[in-house]
N, C-alpha and C. Protein backbone atom coordinates (compact mmCIF):
# COMPACT_ATOMS: atom_id res chain seq x y z
N MET A 1 56.06 166.22 -65.69
CA MET A 1 57.21 165.75 -66.38
C MET A 1 57.34 166.71 -67.66
N THR A 2 58.73 166.99 -67.92
CA THR A 2 58.92 167.67 -69.02
C THR A 2 59.25 166.90 -70.15
N ALA A 3 58.78 167.20 -71.30
CA ALA A 3 59.01 166.51 -72.60
C ALA A 3 59.65 167.64 -73.54
N HIS A 4 60.72 167.13 -74.02
CA HIS A 4 61.64 168.02 -75.00
C HIS A 4 61.21 167.44 -76.43
N ILE A 5 60.73 168.48 -77.06
CA ILE A 5 60.15 168.29 -78.51
C ILE A 5 60.87 168.85 -79.61
N VAL A 6 60.94 168.34 -80.71
CA VAL A 6 61.32 168.92 -81.98
C VAL A 6 59.97 168.80 -82.96
N LEU A 7 59.71 169.88 -83.48
CA LEU A 7 58.58 169.97 -84.31
C LEU A 7 59.20 170.19 -85.77
N SER A 8 58.70 169.64 -86.63
CA SER A 8 59.02 169.83 -88.10
C SER A 8 57.58 169.99 -88.73
N TYR A 9 57.65 171.14 -89.48
CA TYR A 9 56.27 171.47 -89.85
C TYR A 9 56.46 171.92 -91.26
N ASP A 10 55.34 171.66 -92.16
CA ASP A 10 55.12 172.35 -93.45
C ASP A 10 53.80 172.60 -93.76
N LEU A 11 53.49 173.79 -93.72
CA LEU A 11 51.95 174.14 -93.81
C LEU A 11 51.63 174.81 -95.22
N GLY A 12 52.60 174.69 -96.02
CA GLY A 12 52.46 175.06 -97.29
C GLY A 12 52.49 176.78 -97.57
N LEU A 13 52.26 177.18 -98.74
CA LEU A 13 52.46 178.47 -98.78
C LEU A 13 51.37 179.32 -98.18
N LYS A 14 50.05 179.02 -97.91
CA LYS A 14 49.14 179.58 -97.36
C LYS A 14 48.73 179.22 -95.92
N GLY A 15 49.71 178.53 -95.38
CA GLY A 15 49.44 177.87 -94.04
C GLY A 15 49.26 178.95 -93.06
N ASP A 16 48.84 178.66 -91.70
CA ASP A 16 48.72 179.52 -90.55
C ASP A 16 49.94 179.38 -89.84
N TYR A 17 50.91 180.18 -90.38
CA TYR A 17 52.21 179.89 -89.65
C TYR A 17 52.08 180.98 -88.45
N THR A 18 51.11 182.27 -88.66
CA THR A 18 51.28 183.29 -87.66
C THR A 18 50.84 182.64 -86.24
N ASN A 19 49.84 181.67 -86.29
CA ASN A 19 49.46 181.21 -85.13
C ASN A 19 50.37 180.17 -84.52
N LEU A 20 51.07 179.33 -85.45
CA LEU A 20 51.99 178.45 -85.01
C LEU A 20 53.05 179.15 -84.45
N TYR A 21 53.58 180.19 -84.97
CA TYR A 21 54.83 180.88 -84.31
C TYR A 21 54.40 181.57 -82.90
N ARG A 22 53.10 181.76 -82.83
CA ARG A 22 52.66 182.40 -81.55
C ARG A 22 52.91 181.30 -80.58
N ILE A 23 52.50 180.00 -80.79
CA ILE A 23 52.54 178.87 -79.87
C ILE A 23 53.97 178.71 -79.56
N LEU A 24 54.87 178.61 -80.50
CA LEU A 24 56.28 178.38 -80.51
C LEU A 24 56.95 179.35 -79.68
N ASP A 25 56.54 180.92 -79.87
CA ASP A 25 56.97 181.80 -79.02
C ASP A 25 56.62 181.70 -77.48
N GLU A 26 55.45 181.21 -77.35
CA GLU A 26 55.04 181.08 -75.90
C GLU A 26 55.74 180.13 -75.18
N PHE A 27 56.22 179.15 -75.85
CA PHE A 27 57.05 178.19 -75.16
C PHE A 27 58.62 178.41 -75.45
N ASN A 28 58.78 179.52 -75.76
CA ASN A 28 60.42 179.84 -76.09
C ASN A 28 61.13 179.05 -76.82
N ALA A 29 60.46 178.48 -77.92
CA ALA A 29 61.03 177.56 -78.90
C ALA A 29 62.20 178.07 -79.54
N ILE A 30 63.32 177.14 -79.75
CA ILE A 30 64.43 177.40 -80.47
C ILE A 30 64.25 177.21 -81.89
N GLU A 31 64.65 178.13 -82.71
CA GLU A 31 64.53 177.80 -84.08
C GLU A 31 65.71 177.04 -84.51
N CYS A 32 65.37 175.75 -85.35
CA CYS A 32 66.46 174.99 -85.60
C CYS A 32 66.76 174.86 -87.18
N GLY A 33 66.38 175.74 -87.82
CA GLY A 33 66.50 175.92 -89.18
C GLY A 33 64.99 175.93 -89.96
N ASN A 34 64.74 176.04 -91.16
CA ASN A 34 63.72 176.09 -91.88
C ASN A 34 62.67 175.11 -91.48
N ASN A 35 61.41 175.47 -90.91
CA ASN A 35 60.34 174.70 -90.49
C ASN A 35 60.97 173.60 -89.50
N LEU A 36 61.60 173.86 -88.56
CA LEU A 36 62.05 172.85 -87.52
C LEU A 36 62.10 173.66 -86.05
N ALA A 37 61.62 173.47 -85.00
CA ALA A 37 61.87 174.18 -83.70
C ALA A 37 61.88 173.14 -82.76
N ALA A 38 62.68 173.44 -81.39
CA ALA A 38 62.81 172.75 -80.33
C ALA A 38 62.09 173.25 -79.08
N LEU A 39 61.66 172.61 -78.42
CA LEU A 39 60.88 173.27 -77.15
C LEU A 39 60.74 172.31 -76.16
N ALA A 40 60.27 172.66 -74.81
CA ALA A 40 59.91 171.72 -73.82
C ALA A 40 58.65 172.22 -73.35
N ILE A 41 57.69 171.06 -73.02
CA ILE A 41 56.60 171.28 -72.44
C ILE A 41 56.26 170.26 -71.28
N ASN A 42 55.42 170.83 -70.43
CA ASN A 42 55.14 169.84 -69.15
C ASN A 42 53.82 169.07 -69.59
N VAL A 43 53.84 167.80 -69.27
CA VAL A 43 52.78 167.01 -69.47
C VAL A 43 52.70 166.08 -68.24
N ASP A 44 51.32 165.46 -68.09
CA ASP A 44 51.11 164.77 -67.02
C ASP A 44 51.58 163.42 -66.72
N ALA A 45 52.03 162.50 -67.78
CA ALA A 45 52.46 161.19 -67.62
C ALA A 45 53.54 161.07 -68.40
N ASN A 46 54.28 159.97 -68.17
CA ASN A 46 55.59 159.59 -68.71
C ASN A 46 55.18 158.54 -69.94
N ASP A 47 54.43 159.08 -70.92
CA ASP A 47 53.83 158.39 -71.75
C ASP A 47 53.87 159.11 -73.01
N PHE A 48 54.32 158.58 -74.15
CA PHE A 48 54.42 159.42 -75.56
C PHE A 48 53.13 159.70 -76.05
N ASP A 49 52.09 158.69 -75.86
CA ASP A 49 50.71 158.99 -76.31
C ASP A 49 50.29 160.39 -75.58
N THR A 50 50.51 160.44 -74.35
CA THR A 50 50.19 161.92 -73.66
C THR A 50 50.85 163.02 -74.17
N ILE A 51 52.06 162.99 -74.81
CA ILE A 51 52.84 163.93 -75.13
C ILE A 51 52.25 164.25 -76.35
N TYR A 52 52.08 163.27 -77.56
CA TYR A 52 51.40 163.57 -78.51
C TYR A 52 50.03 164.29 -78.37
N ASP A 53 49.25 163.66 -77.41
CA ASP A 53 47.88 164.23 -77.44
C ASP A 53 47.84 165.68 -76.94
N THR A 54 48.83 165.92 -76.10
CA THR A 54 49.11 167.37 -75.50
C THR A 54 49.31 168.32 -76.46
N VAL A 55 50.33 168.07 -77.30
CA VAL A 55 50.79 168.76 -78.68
C VAL A 55 49.73 168.92 -79.66
N GLN A 56 49.07 167.77 -79.86
CA GLN A 56 47.94 167.87 -80.79
C GLN A 56 46.84 168.74 -80.41
N LYS A 57 46.52 168.69 -79.23
CA LYS A 57 45.35 169.58 -78.61
C LYS A 57 45.70 170.96 -78.64
N LEU A 58 47.04 171.29 -78.24
CA LEU A 58 47.67 172.73 -78.46
C LEU A 58 47.55 173.29 -79.64
N ILE A 59 48.10 172.53 -80.69
CA ILE A 59 48.15 173.02 -82.18
C ILE A 59 46.71 173.20 -82.74
N SER A 60 45.81 172.12 -82.69
CA SER A 60 44.67 171.90 -83.39
C SER A 60 43.71 173.19 -82.98
N LYS A 61 43.77 173.56 -81.48
CA LYS A 61 42.88 174.39 -81.02
C LYS A 61 43.17 175.97 -81.79
N ARG A 62 44.39 176.12 -82.03
CA ARG A 62 44.80 177.41 -82.36
C ARG A 62 45.36 177.91 -83.69
N VAL A 63 45.75 176.73 -84.59
CA VAL A 63 46.34 176.71 -85.67
C VAL A 63 45.27 176.06 -86.71
N ALA A 64 44.86 176.71 -87.77
CA ALA A 64 44.08 176.40 -88.84
C ALA A 64 45.04 175.24 -89.72
N ILE A 65 44.58 173.98 -89.73
CA ILE A 65 45.23 172.89 -90.30
C ILE A 65 44.44 172.47 -91.40
N SER A 66 45.17 172.44 -92.72
CA SER A 66 44.45 171.81 -93.99
C SER A 66 44.94 170.46 -94.31
N ALA A 67 44.36 169.68 -95.08
CA ALA A 67 44.49 168.26 -95.46
C ALA A 67 45.89 168.15 -95.98
N ASN A 68 46.75 169.31 -96.47
CA ASN A 68 47.98 169.00 -97.02
C ASN A 68 49.01 169.55 -96.12
N ASP A 69 48.73 169.96 -94.85
CA ASP A 69 49.63 170.32 -93.98
C ASP A 69 50.30 169.16 -93.33
N ARG A 70 51.58 169.27 -92.66
CA ARG A 70 52.34 168.17 -92.33
C ARG A 70 53.02 168.85 -90.89
N ILE A 71 52.69 168.03 -89.83
CA ILE A 71 53.49 168.40 -88.57
C ILE A 71 54.03 167.24 -88.03
N TYR A 72 55.37 167.03 -87.87
CA TYR A 72 56.05 165.89 -87.21
C TYR A 72 56.50 166.12 -85.99
N LEU A 73 56.50 165.10 -85.05
CA LEU A 73 56.86 165.29 -83.68
C LEU A 73 57.79 164.30 -83.29
N ILE A 74 59.02 164.78 -82.57
CA ILE A 74 59.98 163.91 -81.96
C ILE A 74 59.93 164.34 -80.78
N ALA A 75 59.77 163.46 -79.58
CA ALA A 75 59.86 163.69 -78.30
C ALA A 75 60.67 162.84 -77.43
N HIS A 76 61.25 163.43 -76.23
CA HIS A 76 62.27 162.81 -75.41
C HIS A 76 61.66 163.47 -73.93
N THR A 77 61.54 162.56 -73.01
CA THR A 77 61.06 162.96 -71.81
C THR A 77 62.20 163.02 -70.86
N SER A 78 62.01 163.99 -69.83
CA SER A 78 62.90 164.22 -68.81
C SER A 78 63.32 163.17 -67.91
N GLU A 79 62.41 162.17 -68.01
CA GLU A 79 62.52 160.98 -66.98
C GLU A 79 63.66 160.06 -67.56
N THR A 80 64.03 160.13 -68.88
CA THR A 80 64.81 159.12 -69.52
C THR A 80 66.31 159.75 -69.47
N PHE A 81 66.51 161.01 -68.92
CA PHE A 81 67.65 161.71 -69.01
C PHE A 81 68.83 161.09 -68.06
């Protein structure tokens, strides 16, 4: 299943934007303004918990996240189109 995702992120002045941008580039994300990107990812189930877990694992493995960093996720699955 394809999940269409909008990420809103604020990693502060010293955030790991380089690695976050690498992930966004790999998924051909569309820049939607400051700290906002839209992309599509494939996930196994039609379940928003699965979408959240997939995105969380993808980002947490490759981006250094500090306690003050914020990443918000908005998702819509292809099954509901």
